[in-house]
Amino acid sequence: MRTIPTITKNLLIINVIIFLVSYLAGADAYGNLRLNDTFGLHFFLAPDFHIYQLLTYMFMHATFTHLLFNMFALWMFGCVVENVWGPRKFLFYYISCGIGAGLFQEAAQFGQFYLLAADQIPNFSLGDIGMVADNSAALLNLWTTVGASGAIYAILLAFGMIFPEERIFIFPLPIPIKAKWFVALYAGIELFSAMAGTGGNVAHLAHLGGMVFGFFMIRYWRKHPTSGYGRAGGEAFFDNLHNAWERRSHRSSAGKSDREPFHTGSSHDSDWEYNARKQREQEEIDHILDKIRRSGYDSLTAEEKQKLFDSSNRS
């Protein structure tokens, strides 16, 4: 796990350790892991609900398969997104979207509870919901949500928005598809499943909630690149580095006479040589950025890292 970036690696480790502890703690009479009843997210009108569960639920999982699929997706897409954003911004995004997904799930459960009560109780109104909740406490305590899926879907969305044209494989499709269509496909499946009521105990609206929170957060960051986590941990937005490099190249071209050594020969030859050198440098930066997109920041050599950060700091 040496090449996995810090936050992604620690999230993987923490989730696995918590699942092992939960498994060793045993299950209740219904076969549910006991710790999930304490740290899973309960419906907010249930007696067992606590505000801290909006954070802890995303580190709990129902089964090993549930954990495996979530951690595989976290490793697959989280490594890339964290390498682009940096650790602090990535962690903030992950936790915030996980909490947002939990809030979506709470809203969905409230709507479900209201419709069930209105269907079974004559003349039911919104003012009666507290009394009905008290009478249904035992049932509501069973509405428990666990899993990192809301945050994972937000990471999936981030990958699709950062690299929309990147082609990836989806089993069982025989050909790769672009990341933006991959994300749209998953969002469509979740929306259809939520509307159709399919999927059993799967919290489809929580998955969508994570994506919705992630979408608006990324849109905000793009419109306000210098606010919040515009630069996390001193790491650059690699996606924006190319544009910054082009702007610096234009400024350098305008003021090159102040920095370039004296050239013999015609001014036409000097300009040609200067532009050729700038073109070579830009191609090197493009190659480095493409390498980051394919294999992550850690795949760069020491020389490539130095060139990248020298170009980002050059005025």
Protein backbone atom coordinates (compact mmCIF):
# COMPACT_ATOMS: atom_id res chain seq x y z
CA MET A 1 0.00 0.00 0.00
CA ARG A 2 3.05 2.22 -0.29
CA THR A 3 1.88 3.94 -3.49
CA ILE A 4 -1.64 4.63 -2.19
CA PRO A 5 -1.97 8.28 -1.10
CA THR A 6 -2.23 9.03 2.62
CA ILE A 7 -5.95 9.67 3.16
CA THR A 8 -7.15 6.92 0.86
CA LYS A 9 -4.80 4.43 2.54
CA ASN A 10 -5.90 5.45 6.03
CA LEU A 11 -9.59 5.29 5.09
CA LEU A 12 -9.08 1.77 3.74
CA ILE A 13 -7.28 0.68 6.91
CA ILE A 14 -9.83 2.28 9.26
CA ASN A 15 -12.81 0.74 7.47
CA VAL A 16 -11.26 -2.73 7.50
CA ILE A 17 -10.28 -2.51 11.18
CA ILE A 18 -13.74 -1.29 12.22
CA PHE A 19 -15.40 -4.10 10.27
CA LEU A 20 -13.17 -6.69 11.95
CA VAL A 21 -13.95 -5.25 15.39
CA SER A 22 -17.67 -5.24 14.56
CA TYR A 23 -17.50 -8.82 13.36
CA LEU A 24 -15.70 -9.95 16.51
CA ALA A 25 -18.27 -8.12 18.67
CA GLY A 26 -20.94 -10.46 17.31
CA ALA A 27 -24.43 -10.15 15.90
CA ASP A 28 -27.89 -9.69 17.39
CA ALA A 29 -30.90 -12.00 17.09
CA TYR A 30 -31.63 -10.65 13.60
CA GLY A 31 -28.10 -11.41 12.37
CA ASN A 32 -27.06 -7.73 12.31
CA LEU A 33 -23.69 -6.73 13.70
CA ARG A 34 -24.23 -5.30 17.18
CA LEU A 35 -21.94 -2.30 16.76
CA ASN A 36 -23.94 -1.24 13.71
CA ASP A 37 -26.91 -0.67 16.02
CA THR A 38 -24.82 1.79 18.04
CA PHE A 39 -22.83 3.54 15.32
CA GLY A 40 -25.10 3.07 12.32
CA LEU A 41 -27.37 5.93 11.28
CA HIS A 42 -30.87 5.62 12.80
CA PHE A 43 -33.95 7.49 11.66
CA PHE A 44 -33.92 10.86 13.44
CA LEU A 45 -37.34 10.25 15.07
CA ALA A 46 -36.18 6.92 16.52
CA PRO A 47 -35.08 6.78 20.19
CA ASP A 48 -31.72 5.27 19.20
CA PHE A 49 -30.77 8.18 16.93
CA HIS A 50 -27.71 10.26 17.92
CA ILE A 51 -26.18 13.12 15.94
CA TYR A 52 -22.71 11.52 15.88
CA GLN A 53 -24.16 8.70 13.77
CA LEU A 54 -24.10 11.01 10.74
CA LEU A 55 -20.32 10.59 10.87
CA THR A 56 -19.83 7.10 12.25
CA TYR A 57 -22.31 5.31 9.96
CA MET A 58 -20.03 5.71 6.93
CA PHE A 59 -17.34 3.58 8.62
CA MET A 60 -19.70 0.71 9.41
CA HIS A 61 -20.61 -2.08 6.97
CA ALA A 62 -23.22 -4.83 7.06
CA THR A 63 -21.27 -7.65 5.39
CA PHE A 64 -17.82 -8.42 4.04
CA THR A 65 -19.12 -8.09 0.47
CA HIS A 66 -20.52 -4.67 1.30
CA LEU A 67 -17.12 -3.62 2.63
CA LEU A 68 -15.21 -5.18 -0.29
CA PHE A 69 -17.09 -3.36 -3.05
CA ASN A 70 -16.91 -0.01 -1.27
CA MET A 71 -13.20 -0.31 -0.52
CA PHE A 72 -12.40 -1.45 -4.05
CA ALA A 73 -14.13 1.64 -5.46
CA LEU A 74 -12.39 3.86 -2.89
CA TRP A 75 -9.01 2.46 -3.91
CA MET A 76 -9.75 2.63 -7.64
CA PHE A 77 -11.04 6.21 -7.80
CA GLY A 78 -9.89 7.71 -4.49
CA CYS A 79 -6.21 7.32 -5.33
CA VAL A 80 -6.62 9.40 -8.48
CA VAL A 81 -8.83 12.09 -6.94
CA GLU A 82 -6.60 12.51 -3.88
CA ASN A 83 -3.50 12.81 -6.06
CA VAL A 84 -5.20 15.63 -7.96
CA TRP A 85 -6.72 17.47 -4.98
CA GLY A 86 -4.33 16.74 -2.16
CA PRO A 87 -5.09 15.07 1.20
CA ARG A 88 -6.90 17.81 3.13
CA LYS A 89 -9.30 18.73 0.37
CA PHE A 90 -9.95 15.08 -0.44
CA LEU A 91 -10.73 14.23 3.21
CA PHE A 92 -13.01 17.27 3.60
CA TYR A 93 -14.89 16.26 0.44
CA TYR A 94 -15.19 12.62 1.50
CA ILE A 95 -16.52 13.37 4.99
CA SER A 96 -18.82 16.19 3.88
CA CYS A 97 -20.40 14.12 1.12
CA GLY A 98 -20.80 11.18 3.49
CA ILE A 99 -22.68 13.40 5.93
CA GLY A 100 -24.72 14.86 3.07
CA ALA A 101 -25.66 11.36 1.96
CA GLY A 102 -26.82 10.62 5.50
CA LEU A 103 -29.03 13.71 5.49
CA PHE A 104 -30.57 12.62 2.20
CA GLN A 105 -31.29 9.22 3.71
CA GLU A 106 -32.94 10.84 6.73
CA ALA A 107 -35.16 12.91 4.45
CA ALA A 108 -36.08 9.81 2.42
CA GLN A 109 -36.98 7.87 5.56
CA PHE A 110 -39.08 10.76 6.82
CA GLY A 111 -41.05 10.77 3.56
CA GLN A 112 -41.48 7.01 3.75
CA PHE A 113 -42.65 7.18 7.35
CA TYR A 114 -45.11 9.98 6.59
CA LEU A 115 -46.64 8.10 3.66
CA LEU A 116 -46.95 4.88 5.68
CA ALA A 117 -48.68 6.71 8.54
CA ALA A 118 -50.99 8.65 6.21
CA ASP A 119 -51.97 5.43 4.47
CA GLN A 120 -52.86 3.59 7.68
CA ILE A 121 -54.24 6.32 9.98
CA PRO A 122 -57.46 8.19 9.07
CA ASN A 123 -57.24 12.01 9.13
CA PHE A 124 -53.49 11.85 9.73
CA SER A 125 -51.67 15.19 9.62
CA LEU A 126 -48.08 16.35 9.96
CA GLY A 127 -48.77 17.48 13.53
CA ASP A 128 -49.50 13.87 14.51
CA ILE A 129 -46.15 12.53 13.37
CA GLY A 130 -44.41 12.90 16.76
CA MET A 131 -47.09 10.89 18.54
CA VAL A 132 -47.05 8.18 15.87
CA ALA A 133 -43.25 8.03 16.07
CA ASP A 134 -43.40 7.48 19.84
CA ASN A 135 -45.88 4.64 19.35
CA SER A 136 -43.67 3.11 16.63
CA ALA A 137 -40.34 3.42 18.46
CA ALA A 138 -39.43 -0.26 18.26
CA LEU A 139 -40.03 -0.34 14.51
CA LEU A 140 -38.19 2.92 13.81
CA ASN A 141 -35.12 1.72 15.71
CA LEU A 142 -34.75 -0.96 13.04
CA TRP A 143 -34.29 1.66 10.31
CA THR A 144 -30.52 1.74 10.35
CA THR A 145 -28.17 2.84 7.55
CA VAL A 146 -24.52 1.78 7.36
CA GLY A 147 -21.77 1.99 4.76
CA ALA A 148 -19.44 4.38 2.94
CA SER A 149 -21.41 4.17 -0.30
CA GLY A 150 -22.64 7.78 -0.21
CA ALA A 151 -19.09 9.11 0.09
CA ILE A 152 -17.85 6.56 -2.48
CA TYR A 153 -20.42 7.69 -5.04
CA ALA A 154 -19.27 11.26 -4.45
CA ILE A 155 -15.68 10.18 -5.21
CA LEU A 156 -16.94 8.49 -8.36
CA LEU A 157 -18.63 11.72 -9.38
CA ALA A 158 -15.46 13.71 -8.68
CA PHE A 159 -13.45 11.40 -10.95
CA GLY A 160 -16.02 11.85 -13.72
CA MET A 161 -15.97 15.64 -13.39
CA ILE A 162 -12.16 15.87 -13.25
CA PHE A 163 -11.52 13.45 -16.12
CA PRO A 164 -14.78 13.38 -18.13
CA GLU A 165 -13.11 12.06 -21.29
CA GLU A 166 -11.08 9.34 -19.58
CA ARG A 167 -12.09 5.88 -20.81
CA ILE A 168 -12.70 3.12 -18.27
CA PHE A 169 -13.94 -0.44 -18.42
CA ILE A 170 -17.18 -1.59 -16.76
CA PHE A 171 -17.88 -5.28 -16.42
CA PRO A 172 -19.54 -6.85 -18.41
CA LEU A 173 -19.32 -4.25 -21.21
CA PRO A 174 -16.67 -5.34 -23.74
CA ILE A 175 -15.55 -1.80 -24.61
CA PRO A 176 -14.43 1.15 -22.46
CA ILE A 177 -16.72 4.14 -21.98
CA LYS A 178 -15.96 7.72 -21.04
CA ALA A 179 -15.97 8.55 -17.34
CA LYS A 180 -18.75 11.12 -17.72
CA TRP A 181 -21.09 8.45 -19.17
CA PHE A 182 -19.97 5.98 -16.51
CA VAL A 183 -21.03 8.42 -13.78
CA ALA A 184 -24.29 9.27 -15.56
CA LEU A 185 -25.08 5.55 -15.90
CA TYR A 186 -24.59 4.89 -12.19
CA ALA A 187 -26.59 7.97 -11.21
CA GLY A 188 -29.40 6.88 -13.51
CA ILE A 189 -29.44 3.38 -12.04
CA GLU A 190 -29.62 4.76 -8.51
CA LEU A 191 -32.38 7.21 -9.42
CA PHE A 192 -34.42 4.52 -11.16
CA SER A 193 -33.93 2.11 -8.24
CA ALA A 194 -34.99 4.76 -5.74
CA MET A 195 -38.10 5.71 -7.72
CA ALA A 196 -39.05 2.08 -8.37
CA GLY A 197 -38.39 0.98 -4.81
CA THR A 198 -36.07 -1.83 -5.91
CA GLY A 199 -32.88 -2.98 -4.26
CA GLY A 200 -34.18 -4.17 -0.89
CA ASN A 201 -32.18 -2.61 1.93
CA VAL A 202 -29.89 -0.57 -0.38
CA ALA A 203 -30.01 3.16 0.43
CA HIS A 204 -30.26 4.45 -3.14
CA LEU A 205 -31.16 7.99 -2.10
CA ALA A 206 -28.12 8.11 0.17
CA HIS A 207 -25.96 7.25 -2.85
CA LEU A 208 -27.62 9.99 -4.86
CA GLY A 209 -27.29 12.36 -1.91
CA GLY A 210 -23.53 11.89 -1.85
CA MET A 211 -23.35 12.66 -5.56
CA VAL A 212 -25.58 15.73 -5.24
CA PHE A 213 -23.49 17.17 -2.40
CA GLY A 214 -20.32 16.40 -4.34
CA PHE A 215 -21.62 18.03 -7.51
CA PHE A 216 -22.46 21.34 -5.84
CA MET A 217 -19.22 21.32 -3.85
CA ILE A 218 -17.11 20.86 -6.97
CA ARG A 219 -19.09 23.52 -8.82
CA TYR A 220 -18.50 25.94 -5.95
CA TRP A 221 -14.77 25.22 -5.87
CA ARG A 222 -14.51 25.77 -9.61
CA LYS A 223 -16.21 29.15 -9.34
CA HIS A 224 -14.17 30.11 -6.25
CA PRO A 225 -10.76 28.51 -6.82
CA THR A 226 -9.01 30.62 -4.18
CA SER A 227 -11.46 29.92 -1.35
CA GLY A 228 -11.61 27.04 1.08
CA TYR A 229 -9.53 24.19 -0.26
CA GLY A 230 -8.37 25.86 -3.47
CA ARG A 231 -4.91 24.47 -2.66
CA ALA A 232 -4.74 21.63 -0.16
CA GLY A 233 -1.56 20.77 1.67
CA GLY A 234 0.48 22.90 -0.72
CA GLU A 235 -0.43 20.66 -3.69
CA ALA A 236 -1.53 22.21 -6.99
CA PHE A 237 -4.65 21.48 -8.93
CA PHE A 238 -2.96 19.50 -11.65
CA ASP A 239 -5.92 19.93 -13.92
CA ASN A 240 -5.52 23.74 -13.86
CA LEU A 241 -1.75 23.70 -14.12
CA HIS A 242 -1.77 23.49 -17.89
CA ASN A 243 -3.81 26.71 -18.21
CA ALA A 244 -1.56 28.45 -15.71
CA TRP A 245 1.46 27.33 -17.69
CA GLU A 246 0.04 28.77 -20.91
CA ARG A 247 -0.67 32.11 -19.23
CA ARG A 248 2.88 32.26 -17.89
CA SER A 249 4.22 31.37 -21.33
CA HIS A 250 2.38 34.31 -22.87
CA ARG A 251 3.67 36.66 -20.18
CA SER A 252 7.18 35.31 -20.65
CA SER A 253 6.94 35.84 -24.39
CA ALA A 254 5.88 39.46 -23.87
CA GLY A 255 8.80 40.19 -21.53
CA LYS A 256 11.48 37.84 -22.77
CA SER A 257 13.91 40.62 -23.62
CA ASP A 258 14.39 41.26 -19.87
CA ARG A 259 15.38 37.68 -19.14
CA GLU A 260 16.90 36.15 -22.27
CA PRO A 261 20.64 36.44 -22.94
CA PHE A 262 21.83 38.44 -25.93
CA HIS A 263 21.37 36.59 -29.24
CA THR A 264 23.39 37.17 -32.39
CA GLY A 265 21.65 37.05 -35.72
CA SER A 266 18.26 38.38 -36.73
CA SER A 267 15.40 39.00 -34.35
CA HIS A 268 13.36 36.53 -36.42
CA ASP A 269 15.80 33.73 -35.59
CA SER A 270 15.80 34.67 -31.87
CA ASP A 271 12.01 34.61 -31.71
CA TRP A 272 11.91 31.27 -33.50
CA GLU A 273 14.41 29.71 -31.10
CA TYR A 274 12.60 31.13 -28.08
CA ASN A 275 9.20 29.85 -29.23
CA ALA A 276 10.64 26.44 -30.06
CA ARG A 277 12.12 26.15 -26.58
CA LYS A 278 8.83 27.19 -24.99
CA GLN A 279 7.00 24.64 -27.11
CA ARG A 280 9.35 21.88 -25.96
CA GLU A 281 8.88 22.88 -22.32
CA GLN A 282 5.12 22.92 -22.70
CA GLU A 283 5.15 19.47 -24.29
CA GLU A 284 7.16 18.18 -21.33
CA ILE A 285 4.60 19.58 -18.88
CA ASP A 286 1.73 18.08 -20.92
CA HIS A 287 3.46 14.71 -20.82
CA ILE A 288 3.88 14.94 -17.04
CA LEU A 289 0.22 15.89 -16.54
CA ASP A 290 -0.91 13.00 -18.73
CA LYS A 291 1.26 10.65 -16.68
CA ILE A 292 -0.42 11.90 -13.48
CA ARG A 293 -3.86 11.25 -14.95
CA ARG A 294 -2.91 7.73 -15.97
CA SER A 295 -0.84 6.56 -13.02
CA GLY A 296 -1.03 9.17 -10.25
CA TYR A 297 1.44 11.65 -8.83
CA ASP A 298 3.60 8.98 -7.19
CA SER A 299 4.47 7.53 -10.60
CA LEU A 300 6.56 10.61 -11.46
CA THR A 301 10.31 10.52 -11.22
CA ALA A 302 12.13 13.01 -9.01
CA GLU A 303 13.13 14.99 -12.09
CA GLU A 304 9.55 15.13 -13.36
CA LYS A 305 8.24 16.29 -9.98
CA GLN A 306 10.87 19.02 -9.92
CA LYS A 307 9.96 20.21 -13.41
CA LEU A 308 6.27 20.26 -12.52
CA PHE A 309 6.68 22.36 -9.41
CA ASP A 310 9.33 24.60 -10.99
CA SER A 311 6.83 25.42 -13.74
CA SER A 312 4.03 26.11 -11.23
CA ASN A 313 6.24 28.50 -9.21
CA ARG A 314 7.86 30.30 -12.14
CA SER A 315 6.68 33.85 -12.65
